[in-house]
Amino acid sequence: MTNLLDQAPTYIKLAVDLIMILEQHDVAPEEVLKALEIVKSDFEKKRTES
């Protein structure tokens, strides 16, 4: 699997890293989803500003 991940696009690698971090810190799924809404909104705003 590591070899497949090495060849994966950056956004897949980032998603896997984020999932691992959140799971390691035992964050409740509801909290993760709320946080991701904020992160998504922030990055969508940054994308339109650039």
PDB file of N, CA and C in Angstrom:
ATOM      1  N   MET A   1       0.829  -1.202   0.000  1.00  0.00           N
ATOM      2  CA  MET A   1       0.000   0.000   0.000  1.00  0.00           C
ATOM      3  C   MET A   1       0.864   1.253   0.000  1.00  0.00           C
ATOM      4  N   THR A   2       1.974   1.218   0.695  1.00  0.00           N
ATOM      5  CA  THR A   2       2.838   2.390   0.739  1.00  0.00           C
ATOM      6  C   THR A   2       3.265   2.809  -0.653  1.00  0.00           C
ATOM      7  N   ASN A   3       3.591   1.851  -1.502  1.00  0.00           N
ATOM      8  CA  ASN A   3       3.992   2.160  -2.860  1.00  0.00           C
ATOM      9  C   ASN A   3       2.860   2.854  -3.614  1.00  0.00           C
ATOM     10  N   LEU A   4       1.632   2.389  -3.425  1.00  0.00           N
ATOM     11  CA  LEU A   4       0.489   3.029  -4.064  1.00  0.00           C
ATOM     12  C   LEU A   4       0.316   4.452  -3.557  1.00  0.00           C
ATOM     13  N   LEU A   5       0.487   4.633  -2.272  1.00  0.00           N
ATOM     14  CA  LEU A   5       0.350   5.964  -1.695  1.00  0.00           C
ATOM     15  C   LEU A   5       1.455   6.895  -2.194  1.00  0.00           C
ATOM     16  N   ASP A   6       2.646   6.371  -2.351  1.00  0.00           N
ATOM     17  CA  ASP A   6       3.745   7.183  -2.880  1.00  0.00           C
ATOM     18  C   ASP A   6       3.427   7.710  -4.277  1.00  0.00           C
ATOM     19  N   GLN A   7       2.669   6.957  -5.019  1.00  0.00           N
ATOM     20  CA  GLN A   7       2.334   7.334  -6.383  1.00  0.00           C
ATOM     21  C   GLN A   7       1.029   8.124  -6.476  1.00  0.00           C
ATOM     22  N   ALA A   8       0.341   8.254  -5.369  1.00  0.00           N
ATOM     23  CA  ALA A   8      -0.954   8.931  -5.363  1.00  0.00           C
ATOM     24  C   ALA A   8      -0.790  10.443  -5.520  1.00  0.00           C
ATOM     25  N   PRO A   9      -1.843  11.106  -6.002  1.00  0.00           N
ATOM     26  CA  PRO A   9      -1.805  12.571  -6.088  1.00  0.00           C
ATOM     27  C   PRO A   9      -1.657  13.192  -4.695  1.00  0.00           C
ATOM     28  N   THR A  10      -1.175  14.411  -4.662  1.00  0.00           N
ATOM     29  CA  THR A  10      -0.927  15.103  -3.399  1.00  0.00           C
ATOM     30  C   THR A  10      -2.176  15.187  -2.535  1.00  0.00           C
ATOM     31  N   TYR A  11      -3.336  15.447  -3.139  1.00  0.00           N
ATOM     32  CA  TYR A  11      -4.547  15.590  -2.336  1.00  0.00           C
ATOM     33  C   TYR A  11      -4.935  14.278  -1.637  1.00  0.00           C
ATOM     34  N   ILE A  12      -4.621  13.141  -2.248  1.00  0.00           N
ATOM     35  CA  ILE A  12      -4.884  11.850  -1.608  1.00  0.00           C
ATOM     36  C   ILE A  12      -3.939  11.664  -0.428  1.00  0.00           C
ATOM     37  N   LYS A  13      -2.667  11.989  -0.632  1.00  0.00           N
ATOM     38  CA  LYS A  13      -1.691  11.880   0.457  1.00  0.00           C
ATOM     39  C   LYS A  13      -2.095  12.768   1.631  1.00  0.00           C
ATOM     40  N   LEU A  14      -2.534  13.977   1.326  1.00  0.00           N
ATOM     41  CA  LEU A  14      -2.965  14.902   2.369  1.00  0.00           C
ATOM     42  C   LEU A  14      -4.168  14.349   3.119  1.00  0.00           C
ATOM     43  N   ALA A  15      -5.134  13.804   2.392  1.00  0.00           N
ATOM     44  CA  ALA A  15      -6.322  13.224   3.024  1.00  0.00           C
ATOM     45  C   ALA A  15      -5.940  12.080   3.955  1.00  0.00           C
ATOM     46  N   VAL A  16      -5.052  11.222   3.512  1.00  0.00           N
ATOM     47  CA  VAL A  16      -4.609  10.094   4.342  1.00  0.00           C
ATOM     48  C   VAL A  16      -3.902  10.614   5.594  1.00  0.00           C
ATOM     49  N   ASP A  17      -3.040  11.608   5.436  1.00  0.00           N
ATOM     50  CA  ASP A  17      -2.345  12.185   6.591  1.00  0.00           C
ATOM     51  C   ASP A  17      -3.333  12.779   7.594  1.00  0.00           C
ATOM     52  N   LEU A  18      -4.311  13.519   7.090  1.00  0.00           N
ATOM     53  CA  LEU A  18      -5.304  14.127   7.982  1.00  0.00           C
ATOM     54  C   LEU A  18      -6.124  13.072   8.719  1.00  0.00           C
ATOM     55  N   ILE A  19      -6.526  12.038   8.004  1.00  0.00           N
ATOM     56  CA  ILE A  19      -7.283  10.953   8.640  1.00  0.00           C
ATOM     57  C   ILE A  19      -6.458  10.313   9.750  1.00  0.00           C
ATOM     58  N   MET A  20      -5.197  10.045   9.467  1.00  0.00           N
ATOM     59  CA  MET A  20      -4.337   9.417  10.470  1.00  0.00           C
ATOM     60  C   MET A  20      -4.178  10.308  11.702  1.00  0.00           C
ATOM     61  N   ILE A  21      -3.956  11.595  11.488  1.00  0.00           N
ATOM     62  CA  ILE A  21      -3.794  12.526  12.617  1.00  0.00           C
ATOM     63  C   ILE A  21      -5.056  12.556  13.467  1.00  0.00           C
ATOM     64  N   LEU A  22      -6.198  12.672  12.822  1.00  0.00           N
ATOM     65  CA  LEU A  22      -7.459  12.758  13.560  1.00  0.00           C
ATOM     66  C   LEU A  22      -7.760  11.462  14.304  1.00  0.00           C
ATOM     67  N   GLU A  23      -7.467  10.328  13.686  1.00  0.00           N
ATOM     68  CA  GLU A  23      -7.690   9.048  14.354  1.00  0.00           C
ATOM     69  C   GLU A  23      -6.732   8.863  15.529  1.00  0.00           C
ATOM     70  N   GLN A  24      -5.489   9.285  15.374  1.00  0.00           N
ATOM     71  CA  GLN A  24      -4.513   9.158  16.454  1.00  0.00           C
ATOM     72  C   GLN A  24      -4.904   9.995  17.666  1.00  0.00           C
ATOM     73  N   HIS A  25      -5.592  11.109  17.409  1.00  0.00           N
ATOM     74  CA  HIS A  25      -6.004  11.981  18.505  1.00  0.00           C
ATOM     75  C   HIS A  25      -7.417  11.675  18.985  1.00  0.00           C
ATOM     76  N   ASP A  26      -8.000  10.613  18.451  1.00  0.00           N
ATOM     77  CA  ASP A  26      -9.305  10.122  18.883  1.00  0.00           C
ATOM     78  C   ASP A  26     -10.359  11.233  18.888  1.00  0.00           C
ATOM     79  N   VAL A  27     -10.415  11.970  17.803  1.00  0.00           N
ATOM     80  CA  VAL A  27     -11.386  13.056  17.661  1.00  0.00           C
ATOM     81  C   VAL A  27     -12.716  12.455  17.206  1.00  0.00           C
ATOM     82  N   ALA A  28     -13.781  12.859  17.837  1.00  0.00           N
ATOM     83  CA  ALA A  28     -15.113  12.352  17.499  1.00  0.00           C
ATOM     84  C   ALA A  28     -15.470  12.742  16.059  1.00  0.00           C
ATOM     85  N   PRO A  29     -16.105  11.828  15.332  1.00  0.00           N
ATOM     86  CA  PRO A  29     -16.471  12.118  13.938  1.00  0.00           C
ATOM     87  C   PRO A  29     -17.293  13.398  13.774  1.00  0.00           C
ATOM     88  N   GLU A  30     -18.182  13.669  14.692  1.00  0.00           N
ATOM     89  CA  GLU A  30     -18.998  14.884  14.596  1.00  0.00           C
ATOM     90  C   GLU A  30     -18.134  16.135  14.671  1.00  0.00           C
ATOM     91  N   GLU A  31     -17.134  16.099  15.526  1.00  0.00           N
ATOM     92  CA  GLU A  31     -16.223  17.235  15.678  1.00  0.00           C
ATOM     93  C   GLU A  31     -15.358  17.402  14.427  1.00  0.00           C
ATOM     94  N   VAL A  32     -14.920  16.293  13.871  1.00  0.00           N
ATOM     95  CA  VAL A  32     -14.116  16.335  12.651  1.00  0.00           C
ATOM     96  C   VAL A  32     -14.916  16.976  11.527  1.00  0.00           C
ATOM     97  N   LEU A  33     -16.158  16.550  11.360  1.00  0.00           N
ATOM     98  CA  LEU A  33     -16.985  17.079  10.276  1.00  0.00           C
ATOM     99  C   LEU A  33     -17.248  18.571  10.447  1.00  0.00           C
ATOM    100  N   LYS A  34     -17.472  19.007  11.669  1.00  0.00           N
ATOM    101  CA  LYS A  34     -17.659  20.444  11.917  1.00  0.00           C
ATOM    102  C   LYS A  34     -16.391  21.221  11.584  1.00  0.00           C
ATOM    103  N   ALA A  35     -15.255  20.684  11.996  1.00  0.00           N
ATOM    104  CA  ALA A  35     -13.980  21.352  11.723  1.00  0.00           C
ATOM    105  C   ALA A  35     -13.692  21.393  10.225  1.00  0.00           C
ATOM    106  N   LEU A  36     -14.005  20.311   9.533  1.00  0.00           N
ATOM    107  CA  LEU A  36     -13.754  20.267   8.095  1.00  0.00           C
ATOM    108  C   LEU A  36     -14.619  21.268   7.335  1.00  0.00           C
ATOM    109  N   GLU A  37     -15.812  21.537   7.811  1.00  0.00           N
ATOM    110  CA  GLU A  37     -16.655  22.560   7.188  1.00  0.00           C
ATOM    111  C   GLU A  37     -15.975  23.923   7.269  1.00  0.00           C
ATOM    112  N   ILE A  38     -15.376  24.218   8.410  1.00  0.00           N
ATOM    113  CA  ILE A  38     -14.674  25.485   8.595  1.00  0.00           C
ATOM    114  C   ILE A  38     -13.443  25.542   7.700  1.00  0.00           C
ATOM    115  N   VAL A  39     -12.683  24.468   7.662  1.00  0.00           N
ATOM    116  CA  VAL A  39     -11.479  24.412   6.835  1.00  0.00           C
ATOM    117  C   VAL A  39     -11.848  24.574   5.368  1.00  0.00           C
ATOM    118  N   LYS A  40     -12.874  23.868   4.924  1.00  0.00           N
ATOM    119  CA  LYS A  40     -13.297  23.960   3.521  1.00  0.00           C
ATOM    120  C   LYS A  40     -13.715  25.384   3.175  1.00  0.00           C
ATOM    121  N   SER A  41     -14.493  25.995   4.053  1.00  0.00           N
ATOM    122  CA  SER A  41     -14.944  27.367   3.822  1.00  0.00           C
ATOM    123  C   SER A  41     -13.765  28.325   3.732  1.00  0.00           C
ATOM    124  N   ASP A  42     -12.808  28.154   4.615  1.00  0.00           N
ATOM    125  CA  ASP A  42     -11.629  29.016   4.631  1.00  0.00           C
ATOM    126  C   ASP A  42     -10.827  28.891   3.336  1.00  0.00           C
ATOM    127  N   PHE A  43     -10.615  27.663   2.889  1.00  0.00           N
ATOM    128  CA  PHE A  43      -9.813  27.465   1.685  1.00  0.00           C
ATOM    129  C   PHE A  43     -10.570  27.854   0.422  1.00  0.00           C
ATOM    130  N   GLU A  44     -11.876  27.719   0.415  1.00  0.00           N
ATOM    131  CA  GLU A  44     -12.652  28.203  -0.731  1.00  0.00           C
ATOM    132  C   GLU A  44     -12.560  29.722  -0.817  1.00  0.00           C
ATOM    133  N   LYS A  45     -12.582  30.387   0.328  1.00  0.00           N
ATOM    134  CA  LYS A  45     -12.446  31.846   0.364  1.00  0.00           C
ATOM    135  C   LYS A  45     -11.068  32.258  -0.152  1.00  0.00           C
ATOM    136  N   LYS A  46     -10.025  31.557   0.295  1.00  0.00           N
ATOM    137  CA  LYS A  46      -8.670  31.870  -0.154  1.00  0.00           C
ATOM    138  C   LYS A  46      -8.515  31.651  -1.649  1.00  0.00           C
ATOM    139  N   ARG A  47      -9.184  30.638  -2.164  1.00  0.00           N
ATOM    140  CA  ARG A  47      -9.082  30.342  -3.591  1.00  0.00           C
ATOM    141  C   ARG A  47      -9.713  31.462  -4.428  1.00  0.00           C
ATOM    142  N   THR A  48     -10.814  32.003  -3.966  1.00  0.00           N
ATOM    143  CA  THR A  48     -11.482  33.080  -4.726  1.00  0.00           C
ATOM    144  C   THR A  48     -10.753  34.402  -4.600  1.00  0.00           C
ATOM    145  N   GLU A  49      -9.980  34.571  -3.522  1.00  0.00           N
ATOM    146  CA  GLU A  49      -9.223  35.814  -3.325  1.00  0.00           C
ATOM    147  C   GLU A  49      -7.946  35.868  -4.148  1.00  0.00           C
ATOM    148  N   SER A  50      -7.469  34.711  -4.581  1.00  0.00           N
ATOM    149  CA  SER A  50      -6.193  34.716  -5.318  1.00  0.00           C
ATOM    150  C   SER A  50      -6.377  34.774  -6.803  1.00  0.00           C
TER     151      SER A  50
END
